[in-house]
């Protein structure tokens, strides 16, 4: 996926009970300003292309689901 969101590729792993969980790591010389809110988008439907995206919260959302 190509966009302006901060993207983190996720790796699927299994816990001791064989349940799937995802790990993603990132390191960069910056910070994420959450003062105006951020949205976390998690894509896991395409195996091998799991991804977390961090995006500025759209002003119209105002913490609604």
PDB file of N, CA and C in Angstrom:
ATOM      1  N   UNK A   1       0.843  -1.174   0.000  1.00  0.00           N
ATOM      2  CA  UNK A   1       0.000   0.000   0.000  1.00  0.00           C
ATOM      3  C   UNK A   1       0.885   1.233   0.000  1.00  0.00           C
ATOM      4  N   UNK A   2       0.542   2.171  -0.806  1.00  0.00           N
ATOM      5  CA  UNK A   2       1.328   3.386  -0.897  1.00  0.00           C
ATOM      6  C   UNK A   2       0.438   4.579  -0.574  1.00  0.00           C
ATOM      7  N   UNK A   3       0.770   5.283   0.497  1.00  0.00           N
ATOM      8  CA  UNK A   3       0.031   6.482   0.879  1.00  0.00           C
ATOM      9  C   UNK A   3       0.899   7.303   1.816  1.00  0.00           C
ATOM     10  N   UNK A   4       0.332   8.322   2.420  1.00  0.00           N
ATOM     11  CA  UNK A   4       1.097   9.196   3.297  1.00  0.00           C
ATOM     12  C   UNK A   4       1.091   8.727   4.747  1.00  0.00           C
ATOM     13  N   UNK A   5       0.447   7.626   5.046  1.00  0.00           N
ATOM     14  CA  UNK A   5       0.408   7.107   6.405  1.00  0.00           C
ATOM     15  C   UNK A   5       1.738   6.466   6.769  1.00  0.00           C
ATOM     16  N   UNK A   6       2.058   6.484   8.038  1.00  0.00           N
ATOM     17  CA  UNK A   6       3.208   5.743   8.533  1.00  0.00           C
ATOM     18  C   UNK A   6       2.839   4.266   8.472  1.00  0.00           C
ATOM     19  N   UNK A   7       3.623   3.462   7.786  1.00  0.00           N
ATOM     20  CA  UNK A   7       3.286   2.044   7.637  1.00  0.00           C
ATOM     21  C   UNK A   7       4.314   1.173   8.331  1.00  0.00           C
ATOM     22  N   UNK A   8       3.830   0.100   8.919  1.00  0.00           N
ATOM     23  CA  UNK A   8       4.665  -0.879   9.601  1.00  0.00           C
ATOM     24  C   UNK A   8       4.244  -2.255   9.108  1.00  0.00           C
ATOM     25  N   UNK A   9       5.148  -2.965   8.469  1.00  0.00           N
ATOM     26  CA  UNK A   9       4.837  -4.327   8.042  1.00  0.00           C
ATOM     27  C   UNK A   9       4.751  -5.220   9.268  1.00  0.00           C
ATOM     28  N   UNK A  10       3.795  -6.111   9.262  1.00  0.00           N
ATOM     29  CA  UNK A  10       3.569  -7.007  10.393  1.00  0.00           C
ATOM     30  C   UNK A  10       3.946  -8.429  10.023  1.00  0.00           C
ATOM     31  N   UNK A  11       4.441  -9.160  11.001  1.00  0.00           N
ATOM     32  CA  UNK A  11       4.789 -10.563  10.808  1.00  0.00           C
ATOM     33  C   UNK A  11       3.876 -11.408  11.683  1.00  0.00           C
ATOM     34  N   UNK A  12       3.212 -12.374  11.066  1.00  0.00           N
ATOM     35  CA  UNK A  12       2.315 -13.269  11.809  1.00  0.00           C
ATOM     36  C   UNK A  12       3.138 -14.284  12.594  1.00  0.00           C
ATOM     37  N   UNK A  13       2.740 -14.506  13.839  1.00  0.00           N
ATOM     38  CA  UNK A  13       3.383 -15.504  14.698  1.00  0.00           C
ATOM     39  C   UNK A  13       2.292 -16.267  15.432  1.00  0.00           C
ATOM     40  N   UNK A  14       2.660 -17.371  16.026  1.00  0.00           N
ATOM     41  CA  UNK A  14       1.718 -18.175  16.810  1.00  0.00           C
ATOM     42  C   UNK A  14       2.150 -18.183  18.265  1.00  0.00           C
ATOM     43  N   UNK A  15       1.176 -18.063  19.168  1.00  0.00           N
ATOM     44  CA  UNK A  15       1.508 -18.172  20.582  1.00  0.00           C
ATOM     45  C   UNK A  15       1.475 -19.641  21.005  1.00  0.00           C
ATOM     46  N   UNK A  16       1.665 -19.908  22.286  1.00  0.00           N
ATOM     47  CA  UNK A  16       1.734 -21.299  22.758  1.00  0.00           C
ATOM     48  C   UNK A  16       0.426 -22.052  22.555  1.00  0.00           C
ATOM     49  N   UNK A  17      -0.682 -21.327  22.428  1.00  0.00           N
ATOM     50  CA  UNK A  17      -1.988 -21.950  22.194  1.00  0.00           C
ATOM     51  C   UNK A  17      -2.355 -21.966  20.714  1.00  0.00           C
ATOM     52  N   UNK A  18      -1.366 -21.701  19.848  1.00  0.00           N
ATOM     53  CA  UNK A  18      -1.539 -21.717  18.384  1.00  0.00           C
ATOM     54  C   UNK A  18      -2.444 -20.608  17.871  1.00  0.00           C
ATOM     55  N   UNK A  19      -2.620 -19.545  18.657  1.00  0.00           N
ATOM     56  CA  UNK A  19      -3.383 -18.388  18.199  1.00  0.00           C
ATOM     57  C   UNK A  19      -2.448 -17.437  17.464  1.00  0.00           C
ATOM     58  N   UNK A  20      -2.950 -16.837  16.400  1.00  0.00           N
ATOM     59  CA  UNK A  20      -2.134 -15.927  15.600  1.00  0.00           C
ATOM     60  C   UNK A  20      -2.101 -14.540  16.235  1.00  0.00           C
ATOM     61  N   UNK A  21      -0.902 -13.974  16.290  1.00  0.00           N
ATOM     62  CA  UNK A  21      -0.743 -12.578  16.668  1.00  0.00           C
ATOM     63  C   UNK A  21       0.272 -11.956  15.714  1.00  0.00           C
ATOM     64  N   UNK A  22       0.383 -10.648  15.722  1.00  0.00           N
ATOM     65  CA  UNK A  22       1.223  -9.958  14.742  1.00  0.00           C
ATOM     66  C   UNK A  22       2.229  -9.058  15.448  1.00  0.00           C
ATOM     67  N   UNK A  23       3.435  -9.016  14.910  1.00  0.00           N
ATOM     68  CA  UNK A  23       4.503  -8.183  15.458  1.00  0.00           C
ATOM     69  C   UNK A  23       4.987  -7.247  14.366  1.00  0.00           C
ATOM     70  N   UNK A  24       5.123  -5.993  14.709  1.00  0.00           N
ATOM     71  CA  UNK A  24       5.681  -5.014  13.786  1.00  0.00           C
ATOM     72  C   UNK A  24       6.646  -4.117  14.538  1.00  0.00           C
ATOM     73  N   UNK A  25       7.738  -3.774  13.903  1.00  0.00           N
ATOM     74  CA  UNK A  25       8.733  -2.921  14.548  1.00  0.00           C
ATOM     75  C   UNK A  25       9.114  -1.795  13.601  1.00  0.00           C
ATOM     76  N   UNK A  26       9.432  -0.659  14.192  1.00  0.00           N
ATOM     77  CA  UNK A  26       9.867   0.485  13.385  1.00  0.00           C
ATOM     78  C   UNK A  26      10.822   1.329  14.226  1.00  0.00           C
ATOM     79  N   UNK A  27      11.781   1.896  13.554  1.00  0.00           N
ATOM     80  CA  UNK A  27      12.687   2.837  14.190  1.00  0.00           C
ATOM     81  C   UNK A  27      12.941   3.968  13.199  1.00  0.00           C
ATOM     82  N   UNK A  28      12.760   5.189  13.643  1.00  0.00           N
ATOM     83  CA  UNK A  28      12.999   6.328  12.759  1.00  0.00           C
ATOM     84  C   UNK A  28      13.341   7.546  13.615  1.00  0.00           C
ATOM     85  N   UNK A  29      14.035   8.507  13.052  1.00  0.00           N
ATOM     86  CA  UNK A  29      14.452   9.691  13.812  1.00  0.00           C
ATOM     87  C   UNK A  29      13.330  10.728  13.888  1.00  0.00           C
ATOM     88  N   UNK A  30      12.295  10.408  14.596  1.00  0.00           N
ATOM     89  CA  UNK A  30      11.166  11.318  14.674  1.00  0.00           C
ATOM     90  C   UNK A  30      10.237  10.927  15.801  1.00  0.00           C
ATOM     91  N   UNK A  31       9.068  11.477  15.772  1.00  0.00           N
ATOM     92  CA  UNK A  31       8.052  11.162  16.767  1.00  0.00           C
ATOM     93  C   UNK A  31       6.686  11.214  16.118  1.00  0.00           C
ATOM     94  N   UNK A  32       5.704  10.663  16.811  1.00  0.00           N
ATOM     95  CA  UNK A  32       4.324  10.710  16.329  1.00  0.00           C
ATOM     96  C   UNK A  32       3.552  11.651  17.249  1.00  0.00           C
ATOM     97  N   UNK A  33       3.071  12.747  16.710  1.00  0.00           N
ATOM     98  CA  UNK A  33       2.303  13.719  17.475  1.00  0.00           C
ATOM     99  C   UNK A  33       0.847  13.259  17.525  1.00  0.00           C
ATOM    100  N   UNK A  34       0.415  12.850  18.701  1.00  0.00           N
ATOM    101  CA  UNK A  34      -0.954  12.350  18.869  1.00  0.00           C
ATOM    102  C   UNK A  34      -1.875  13.409  19.485  1.00  0.00           C
ATOM    103  N   UNK A  35      -1.418  14.637  19.564  1.00  0.00           N
ATOM    104  CA  UNK A  35      -2.203  15.667  20.243  1.00  0.00           C
ATOM    105  C   UNK A  35      -3.542  15.946  19.560  1.00  0.00           C
ATOM    106  N   UNK A  36      -3.628  15.721  18.262  1.00  0.00           N
ATOM    107  CA  UNK A  36      -4.892  15.922  17.542  1.00  0.00           C
ATOM    108  C   UNK A  36      -5.539  14.592  17.182  1.00  0.00           C
ATOM    109  N   UNK A  37      -4.996  13.514  17.736  1.00  0.00           N
ATOM    110  CA  UNK A  37      -5.539  12.181  17.508  1.00  0.00           C
ATOM    111  C   UNK A  37      -4.907  11.492  16.315  1.00  0.00           C
ATOM    112  N   UNK A  38      -4.816  10.182  16.401  1.00  0.00           N
ATOM    113  CA  UNK A  38      -4.345   9.366  15.288  1.00  0.00           C
ATOM    114  C   UNK A  38      -5.272   8.165  15.158  1.00  0.00           C
ATOM    115  N   UNK A  39      -5.289   7.599  13.987  1.00  0.00           N
ATOM    116  CA  UNK A  39      -6.083   6.391  13.727  1.00  0.00           C
ATOM    117  C   UNK A  39      -5.117   5.260  13.401  1.00  0.00           C
ATOM    118  N   UNK A  40      -5.409   4.086  13.914  1.00  0.00           N
ATOM    119  CA  UNK A  40      -4.616   2.903  13.625  1.00  0.00           C
ATOM    120  C   UNK A  40      -5.424   2.004  12.694  1.00  0.00           C
ATOM    121  N   UNK A  41      -4.898   1.779  11.507  1.00  0.00           N
ATOM    122  CA  UNK A  41      -5.551   0.912  10.526  1.00  0.00           C
ATOM    123  C   UNK A  41      -4.744  -0.378  10.464  1.00  0.00           C
ATOM    124  N   UNK A  42      -5.398  -1.498  10.621  1.00  0.00           N
ATOM    125  CA  UNK A  42      -4.706  -2.781  10.639  1.00  0.00           C
ATOM    126  C   UNK A  42      -5.261  -3.648   9.528  1.00  0.00           C
ATOM    127  N   UNK A  43      -4.362  -4.054   8.624  1.00  0.00           N
ATOM    128  CA  UNK A  43      -4.738  -4.873   7.478  1.00  0.00           C
ATOM    129  C   UNK A  43      -4.166  -6.268   7.665  1.00  0.00           C
ATOM    130  N   UNK A  44      -5.034  -7.263   7.815  1.00  0.00           N
ATOM    131  CA  UNK A  44      -4.568  -8.635   8.021  1.00  0.00           C
ATOM    132  C   UNK A  44      -5.263  -9.645   7.114  1.00  0.00           C
ATOM    133  N   UNK A  45      -6.092  -9.193   6.200  1.00  0.00           N
ATOM    134  CA  UNK A  45      -6.865 -10.129   5.375  1.00  0.00           C
ATOM    135  C   UNK A  45      -6.034 -10.799   4.286  1.00  0.00           C
ATOM    136  N   UNK A  46      -4.955 -10.154   3.819  1.00  0.00           N
ATOM    137  CA  UNK A  46      -4.111 -10.745   2.783  1.00  0.00           C
ATOM    138  C   UNK A  46      -2.872 -11.355   3.424  1.00  0.00           C
ATOM    139  N   UNK A  47      -2.823 -12.676   3.471  1.00  0.00           N
ATOM    140  CA  UNK A  47      -1.713 -13.366   4.116  1.00  0.00           C
ATOM    141  C   UNK A  47      -0.389 -12.977   3.467  1.00  0.00           C
ATOM    142  N   UNK A  48       0.592 -12.639   4.306  1.00  0.00           N
ATOM    143  CA  UNK A  48       1.897 -12.233   3.828  1.00  0.00           C
ATOM    144  C   UNK A  48       2.014 -10.747   3.559  1.00  0.00           C
ATOM    145  N   UNK A  49       0.903 -10.029   3.620  1.00  0.00           N
ATOM    146  CA  UNK A  49       0.921  -8.583   3.381  1.00  0.00           C
ATOM    147  C   UNK A  49       0.290  -7.827   4.550  1.00  0.00           C
ATOM    148  N   UNK A  50       0.397  -8.390   5.753  1.00  0.00           N
ATOM    149  CA  UNK A  50      -0.179  -7.757   6.929  1.00  0.00           C
ATOM    150  C   UNK A  50       0.531  -6.430   7.188  1.00  0.00           C
ATOM    151  N   UNK A  51      -0.256  -5.425   7.596  1.00  0.00           N
ATOM    152  CA  UNK A  51       0.332  -4.102   7.757  1.00  0.00           C
ATOM    153  C   UNK A  51      -0.465  -3.276   8.760  1.00  0.00           C
ATOM    154  N   UNK A  52       0.264  -2.496   9.547  1.00  0.00           N
ATOM    155  CA  UNK A  52      -0.323  -1.500  10.435  1.00  0.00           C
ATOM    156  C   UNK A  52      -0.040  -0.140   9.819  1.00  0.00           C
ATOM    157  N   UNK A  53      -1.043   0.726   9.798  1.00  0.00           N
ATOM    158  CA  UNK A  53      -0.846   2.097   9.338  1.00  0.00           C
ATOM    159  C   UNK A  53      -1.283   3.045  10.451  1.00  0.00           C
ATOM    160  N   UNK A  54      -0.492   4.084  10.648  1.00  0.00           N
ATOM    161  CA  UNK A  54      -0.822   5.126  11.616  1.00  0.00           C
ATOM    162  C   UNK A  54      -1.075   6.391  10.813  1.00  0.00           C
ATOM    163  N   UNK A  55      -2.254   6.960  10.980  1.00  0.00           N
ATOM    164  CA  UNK A  55      -2.656   8.111  10.181  1.00  0.00           C
ATOM    165  C   UNK A  55      -3.206   9.212  11.075  1.00  0.00           C
ATOM    166  N   UNK A  56      -3.066  10.454  10.653  1.00  0.00           N
ATOM    167  CA  UNK A  56      -3.720  11.542  11.394  1.00  0.00           C
ATOM    168  C   UNK A  56      -5.224  11.295  11.401  1.00  0.00           C
ATOM    169  N   UNK A  57      -5.842  11.571  12.534  1.00  0.00           N
ATOM    170  CA  UNK A  57      -7.280  11.345  12.629  1.00  0.00           C
ATOM    171  C   UNK A  57      -8.014  12.386  11.806  1.00  0.00           C
ATOM    172  N   UNK A  58      -8.960  11.940  11.036  1.00  0.00           N
ATOM    173  CA  UNK A  58      -9.779  12.834  10.232  1.00  0.00           C
ATOM    174  C   UNK A  58     -10.629  13.663  11.190  1.00  0.00           C
ATOM    175  N   UNK A  59     -10.617  14.946  11.017  1.00  0.00           N
ATOM    176  CA  UNK A  59     -11.306  15.865  11.938  1.00  0.00           C
ATOM    177  C   UNK A  59     -12.781  15.494  12.121  1.00  0.00           C
ATOM    178  N   UNK A  60     -13.425  14.986  11.100  1.00  0.00           N
ATOM    179  CA  UNK A  60     -14.851  14.657  11.205  1.00  0.00           C
ATOM    180  C   UNK A  60     -15.105  13.429  12.084  1.00  0.00           C
ATOM    181  N   UNK A  61     -14.079  12.596  12.316  1.00  0.00           N
ATOM    182  CA  UNK A  61     -14.275  11.374  13.104  1.00  0.00           C
ATOM    183  C   UNK A  61     -14.412  11.654  14.592  1.00  0.00           C
ATOM    184  N   UNK A  62     -13.625  12.571  15.126  1.00  0.00           N
ATOM    185  CA  UNK A  62     -13.727  12.980  16.528  1.00  0.00           C
ATOM    186  C   UNK A  62     -13.932  11.798  17.485  1.00  0.00           C
ATOM    187  N   UNK A  63     -13.104  10.802  17.387  1.00  0.00           N
ATOM    188  CA  UNK A  63     -13.100   9.642  18.279  1.00  0.00           C
ATOM    189  C   UNK A  63     -14.359   8.777  18.184  1.00  0.00           C
ATOM    190  N   UNK A  64     -15.056   8.829  17.064  1.00  0.00           N
ATOM    191  CA  UNK A  64     -16.220   7.967  16.881  1.00  0.00           C
ATOM    192  C   UNK A  64     -15.783   6.682  16.191  1.00  0.00           C
ATOM    193  N   UNK A  65     -16.542   5.617  16.391  1.00  0.00           N
ATOM    194  CA  UNK A  65     -16.267   4.329  15.729  1.00  0.00           C
ATOM    195  C   UNK A  65     -16.758   4.349  14.309  1.00  0.00           C
TER     196      UNK A  65
END
